[in-house]
Every structure is written in structure tokens, then in C-alpha cells.
Amino acid sequence: MINRRAALLAHNAGIWEGTFVRLDGEGREQERFASHLEVSEQEGTIEAALTNGSSGNVRRMSFREPPAEMQIAAAGHWSLGPDRIGPWPWISELCLVHGERRRRVVLRHGSESLESLVVVCEGRPEQREPAPPAPLQLEPQYGAEAPGQQLWKPEAGLEIETIARRQPGSPQRLALRWSPEPGLRLELVRGHDAYGLLQPL
């Protein structure tokens, strides 16, 4: 068993500068902004403070221990979302981290299909990551290797797998794959079984 809290902080604490790009369910860019995220630990509490570089608004999230529905890998990759899904809308977030660089996605599913996705390219202040070209317009791909799934590729080496059409009583899967350098492929899968229950990593 890994120490989930220690793994999360070891790879994700500190300051991240990035770009948020929000797309609708058809892959059309709706909004983008520069971001500043600080993840810190103070008196036993982990806090994440996200500043929107366009509006100046700050959103904060804090917890003493990672919530049970937050899945954390030993390498620091993590995902967050409901521990059970059903016919109602739900949101999941997946994050892959590689040294001073990260890729995140926030996926909002409606009762039938994807409503929006947010792509976040982040790096440390001294490792600024280039933003995807603007405006971003993605065409989902449908492949035999992932029936019932959509594949989105916002930049070279980055692939997001989402549910094309939700099927009651069927397993549901989301995935984030990233090749931050030649020969290296990172993957994080968040899946729910046929009963809607979260599956282990």
C-alpha cells in the first residue's frame, strides 16, 4: 500500500503555471485563460489555490487527507470524481505528472454524453508549457480498439479517452495518456463497473 498523501504531495506540491482551455462536447474551444496554481501543506491541511489569470478569481480546495474517491498512484498521478455514477450528470478530473510538467483534464458528462472537457497544460514557473494553438477545434476519433469511446488529441503525444454515449448497465471508462518525451508513455484510467462503482487503479 502506498502512502496516498505523501505520494500526492511529493509530486504535486508547489507552484504550477499553466493554460486552461475549455471545450464544449463537440470539441470547440469556448474559453481559455492563464492559470497560477499553488498546492501547499499548512498545519496538516493540504490546500490548492487556483488563480484565473484573466479574471483574478481564486478558487480554493482544502482537505486534511485525500478523499476516498481520489485515486493516487505512487508516481503522483491522480484522479478525482464520484465513487459511484448513475444516470445523473457527473464530473471527473485526471492528472498525469512528469517531473516539472503536468497534464490535466476535467470532464463533464451529462446524462447521455460528454458536455465539456477542459485541457490544462502546466509546468513549474521555470518550465512554462506551451499552450495548444488557438482557437482549439478537436475532432473526436472513434476506433475499434475502444468501442463506445471517443478519443481526443489536443496536442502531440496527449490523448483523452471519453465515453461517446453512456450505456446503462455497462462499464464506463475515462483515460488520459501522455508521452512527455520520446519512448515514455504515461497512462491514467478511471473506470466504473457495470453497477457504477469506482474500480481500483
Protein backbone atom coordinates (compact mmCIF):
# COMPACT_ATOMS: atom_id res chain seq x y z
CA MET A 1 0.00 0.00 0.00
CA ILE A 2 1.30 3.43 -0.92
CA ASN A 3 1.04 6.46 1.34
CA ARG A 4 -1.51 8.34 -0.80
CA ARG A 5 -0.99 11.67 0.95
CA ALA A 6 2.80 11.52 0.70
CA ALA A 7 2.71 10.49 -2.97
CA LEU A 8 0.34 13.34 -3.81
CA LEU A 9 2.46 15.99 -2.10
CA ALA A 10 5.83 14.66 -3.25
CA HIS A 11 4.94 15.11 -6.92
CA ASN A 12 2.30 17.86 -6.92
CA ALA A 13 3.09 20.35 -4.15
CA GLY A 14 4.38 23.79 -5.10
CA ILE A 15 3.56 26.28 -7.83
CA TRP A 16 2.26 25.40 -11.29
CA GLU A 17 1.81 27.90 -14.13
CA GLY A 18 -0.47 26.82 -16.94
CA THR A 19 -3.17 27.36 -19.51
CA PHE A 20 -6.78 26.20 -19.17
CA VAL A 21 -8.70 25.54 -22.39
CA ARG A 22 -12.40 24.69 -22.06
CA LEU A 23 -14.12 22.94 -24.96
CA ASP A 24 -17.75 22.03 -25.48
CA GLY A 25 -18.95 18.47 -26.04
CA GLU A 26 -18.19 18.81 -29.76
CA GLY A 27 -14.56 19.80 -29.18
CA ARG A 28 -14.95 23.53 -29.92
CA GLU A 29 -13.00 25.97 -27.76
CA GLN A 30 -15.20 28.11 -25.52
CA GLU A 31 -12.71 29.78 -23.20
CA ARG A 32 -9.03 29.88 -22.27
CA PHE A 33 -7.03 31.60 -19.56
CA ALA A 34 -3.60 31.54 -17.98
CA SER A 35 -3.56 29.98 -14.52
CA HIS A 36 -1.47 30.00 -11.36
CA LEU A 37 -1.91 27.06 -9.00
CA GLU A 38 -0.29 26.71 -5.60
CA VAL A 39 -0.52 23.41 -3.74
CA SER A 40 0.72 23.66 -0.16
CA GLU A 41 0.51 21.99 3.23
CA GLN A 42 -0.06 24.11 6.31
CA GLU A 43 -0.61 22.72 9.80
CA GLY A 44 -1.59 19.35 8.39
CA THR A 45 -4.04 20.69 5.83
CA ILE A 46 -3.42 20.39 2.08
CA GLU A 47 -4.68 23.41 0.15
CA ALA A 48 -4.86 24.05 -3.58
CA ALA A 49 -5.43 27.67 -4.65
CA LEU A 50 -6.12 28.25 -8.36
CA THR A 51 -5.96 31.80 -9.74
CA ASN A 52 -7.63 32.64 -13.06
CA GLY A 53 -5.16 34.93 -14.82
CA SER A 54 -7.93 36.67 -16.80
CA SER A 55 -10.43 37.43 -14.03
CA GLY A 56 -8.21 37.28 -10.97
CA ASN A 57 -10.70 34.96 -9.28
CA VAL A 58 -9.22 32.43 -6.84
CA ARG A 59 -10.75 29.03 -6.19
CA ARG A 60 -9.59 27.03 -3.20
CA MET A 61 -9.91 23.42 -2.14
CA SER A 62 -8.54 22.02 1.11
CA PHE A 63 -8.52 18.70 2.94
CA ARG A 64 -6.54 17.04 5.72
CA GLU A 65 -6.50 13.66 3.99
CA PRO A 66 -7.15 12.91 0.32
CA PRO A 67 -10.84 11.96 -0.07
CA ALA A 68 -11.58 8.26 -0.57
CA GLU A 69 -12.80 8.89 -4.13
CA MET A 70 -9.44 10.44 -5.07
CA GLN A 71 -7.25 7.81 -6.72
CA ILE A 72 -3.49 8.41 -6.33
CA ALA A 73 -0.68 6.43 -7.95
CA ALA A 74 2.80 6.02 -6.47
CA ALA A 75 4.21 8.23 -9.26
CA GLY A 76 1.92 11.11 -8.19
CA HIS A 77 -0.72 10.75 -10.92
CA TRP A 78 -4.24 11.25 -9.58
CA SER A 79 -7.89 11.39 -10.48
CA LEU A 80 -10.92 12.76 -8.70
CA GLY A 81 -14.63 12.23 -9.24
CA PRO A 82 -17.64 10.40 -7.83
CA ASP A 83 -17.17 6.98 -6.23
CA ARG A 84 -20.40 5.90 -7.90
CA ILE A 85 -22.06 7.03 -11.11
CA GLY A 86 -25.59 6.55 -12.40
CA PRO A 87 -27.98 8.21 -14.86
CA TRP A 88 -27.22 11.66 -13.41
CA PRO A 89 -24.50 14.12 -14.64
CA TRP A 90 -21.02 13.83 -13.13
CA ILE A 91 -17.55 15.38 -13.34
CA SER A 92 -14.12 13.74 -13.20
CA GLU A 93 -10.60 15.17 -13.24
CA LEU A 94 -7.46 13.27 -14.22
CA CYS A 95 -3.85 14.42 -13.84
CA LEU A 96 -0.55 12.99 -15.08
CA VAL A 97 2.68 14.41 -13.67
CA HIS A 98 6.20 14.06 -15.07
CA GLY A 99 8.82 15.93 -13.07
CA GLU A 100 8.25 19.65 -13.63
CA ARG A 101 5.38 19.16 -16.07
CA ARG A 102 1.74 18.10 -15.78
CA ARG A 103 -1.30 17.48 -17.96
CA ARG A 104 -4.80 17.57 -16.56
CA VAL A 105 -8.31 17.17 -17.93
CA VAL A 106 -11.69 17.94 -16.38
CA LEU A 107 -14.53 16.01 -18.00
CA ARG A 108 -18.21 16.83 -17.50
CA HIS A 109 -20.63 14.13 -18.59
CA GLY A 110 -24.35 14.74 -18.92
CA SER A 111 -26.98 12.05 -18.58
CA GLU A 112 -26.21 10.80 -22.10
CA SER A 113 -22.89 12.13 -23.40
CA LEU A 114 -19.93 14.44 -22.86
CA GLU A 115 -20.91 18.07 -22.19
CA SER A 116 -17.48 19.69 -21.90
CA LEU A 117 -13.81 19.00 -21.40
CA VAL A 118 -11.06 21.21 -20.03
CA VAL A 119 -7.45 20.64 -21.05
CA VAL A 120 -4.76 22.03 -18.72
CA CYS A 121 -1.07 22.24 -19.70
CA GLU A 122 1.07 23.06 -16.65
CA GLY A 123 4.70 23.43 -15.69
CA ARG A 124 6.77 24.94 -12.92
CA PRO A 125 7.43 28.70 -13.21
CA GLU A 126 10.84 27.95 -14.75
CA GLN A 127 9.31 25.28 -17.04
CA ARG A 128 6.47 27.09 -18.78
CA GLU A 129 4.50 24.80 -21.03
CA PRO A 130 3.36 25.99 -24.48
CA ALA A 131 -0.40 26.41 -24.84
CA PRO A 132 -2.32 24.49 -27.51
CA PRO A 133 -3.00 26.51 -30.70
CA ALA A 134 -5.96 28.87 -30.51
CA PRO A 135 -8.79 28.52 -31.11
CA LEU A 136 -8.64 24.80 -30.42
CA GLN A 137 -11.01 22.69 -32.53
CA LEU A 138 -10.85 18.94 -31.92
CA GLU A 139 -12.47 16.16 -33.91
CA PRO A 140 -13.19 13.07 -31.82
CA GLN A 141 -11.95 9.80 -33.20
CA TYR A 142 -13.82 6.53 -32.89
CA GLY A 143 -11.71 3.41 -33.07
CA ALA A 144 -12.33 -0.32 -32.98
CA GLU A 145 -9.78 -0.58 -30.17
CA ALA A 146 -12.07 1.48 -27.93
CA PRO A 147 -15.70 0.72 -28.91
CA GLY A 148 -18.20 3.17 -27.48
CA GLN A 149 -15.40 5.60 -26.64
CA GLN A 150 -14.19 8.91 -28.09
CA LEU A 151 -10.51 9.82 -28.47
CA TRP A 152 -9.43 13.47 -28.37
CA LYS A 153 -5.90 14.65 -29.22
CA PRO A 154 -5.39 18.30 -28.19
CA GLU A 155 -1.62 18.20 -28.75
CA ALA A 156 1.06 15.81 -29.98
CA GLY A 157 1.53 12.98 -27.51
CA LEU A 158 -1.62 13.74 -25.50
CA GLU A 159 -4.77 11.63 -25.77
CA ILE A 160 -8.02 11.82 -23.83
CA GLU A 161 -10.48 8.95 -23.89
CA THR A 162 -14.10 9.73 -23.02
CA ILE A 163 -17.45 7.96 -23.19
CA ALA A 164 -19.17 8.56 -26.54
CA ARG A 165 -22.65 7.54 -25.40
CA ARG A 166 -23.49 6.37 -21.91
CA GLN A 167 -24.99 2.90 -21.76
CA PRO A 168 -26.84 1.94 -18.56
CA GLY A 169 -25.56 -1.32 -17.13
CA SER A 170 -22.24 -1.12 -18.97
CA PRO A 171 -18.76 -0.37 -17.58
CA GLN A 172 -17.65 3.25 -18.14
CA ARG A 173 -14.05 4.36 -18.60
CA LEU A 174 -12.10 7.59 -18.84
CA ALA A 175 -8.40 7.72 -19.62
CA LEU A 176 -5.57 10.23 -20.01
CA ARG A 177 -2.42 9.23 -21.90
CA TRP A 178 0.67 11.38 -22.36
CA SER A 179 4.10 10.97 -23.92
CA PRO A 180 6.11 13.80 -22.32
CA GLU A 181 9.29 12.59 -24.03
CA PRO A 182 10.21 10.03 -26.72
CA GLY A 183 9.85 6.45 -25.55
CA LEU A 184 7.81 7.31 -22.44
CA ARG A 185 4.03 6.81 -22.27
CA LEU A 186 2.10 7.64 -19.14
CA GLU A 187 -1.49 6.48 -18.64
CA LEU A 188 -4.19 7.01 -16.02
CA VAL A 189 -7.55 5.23 -16.23
CA ARG A 190 -10.60 5.96 -14.09
CA GLY A 191 -13.24 3.30 -14.53
CA HIS A 192 -16.62 2.34 -13.12
CA ASP A 193 -18.07 -1.15 -13.35
CA ALA A 194 -21.49 -2.15 -14.71
CA TYR A 195 -23.06 -1.15 -11.38
CA GLY A 196 -21.46 2.30 -11.48
CA LEU A 197 -18.93 1.58 -8.71
CA LEU A 198 -15.42 3.04 -8.93
CA GLN A 199 -12.77 0.46 -9.83
CA PRO A 200 -9.30 0.44 -8.23
CA LEU A 201 -6.33 1.80 -10.20
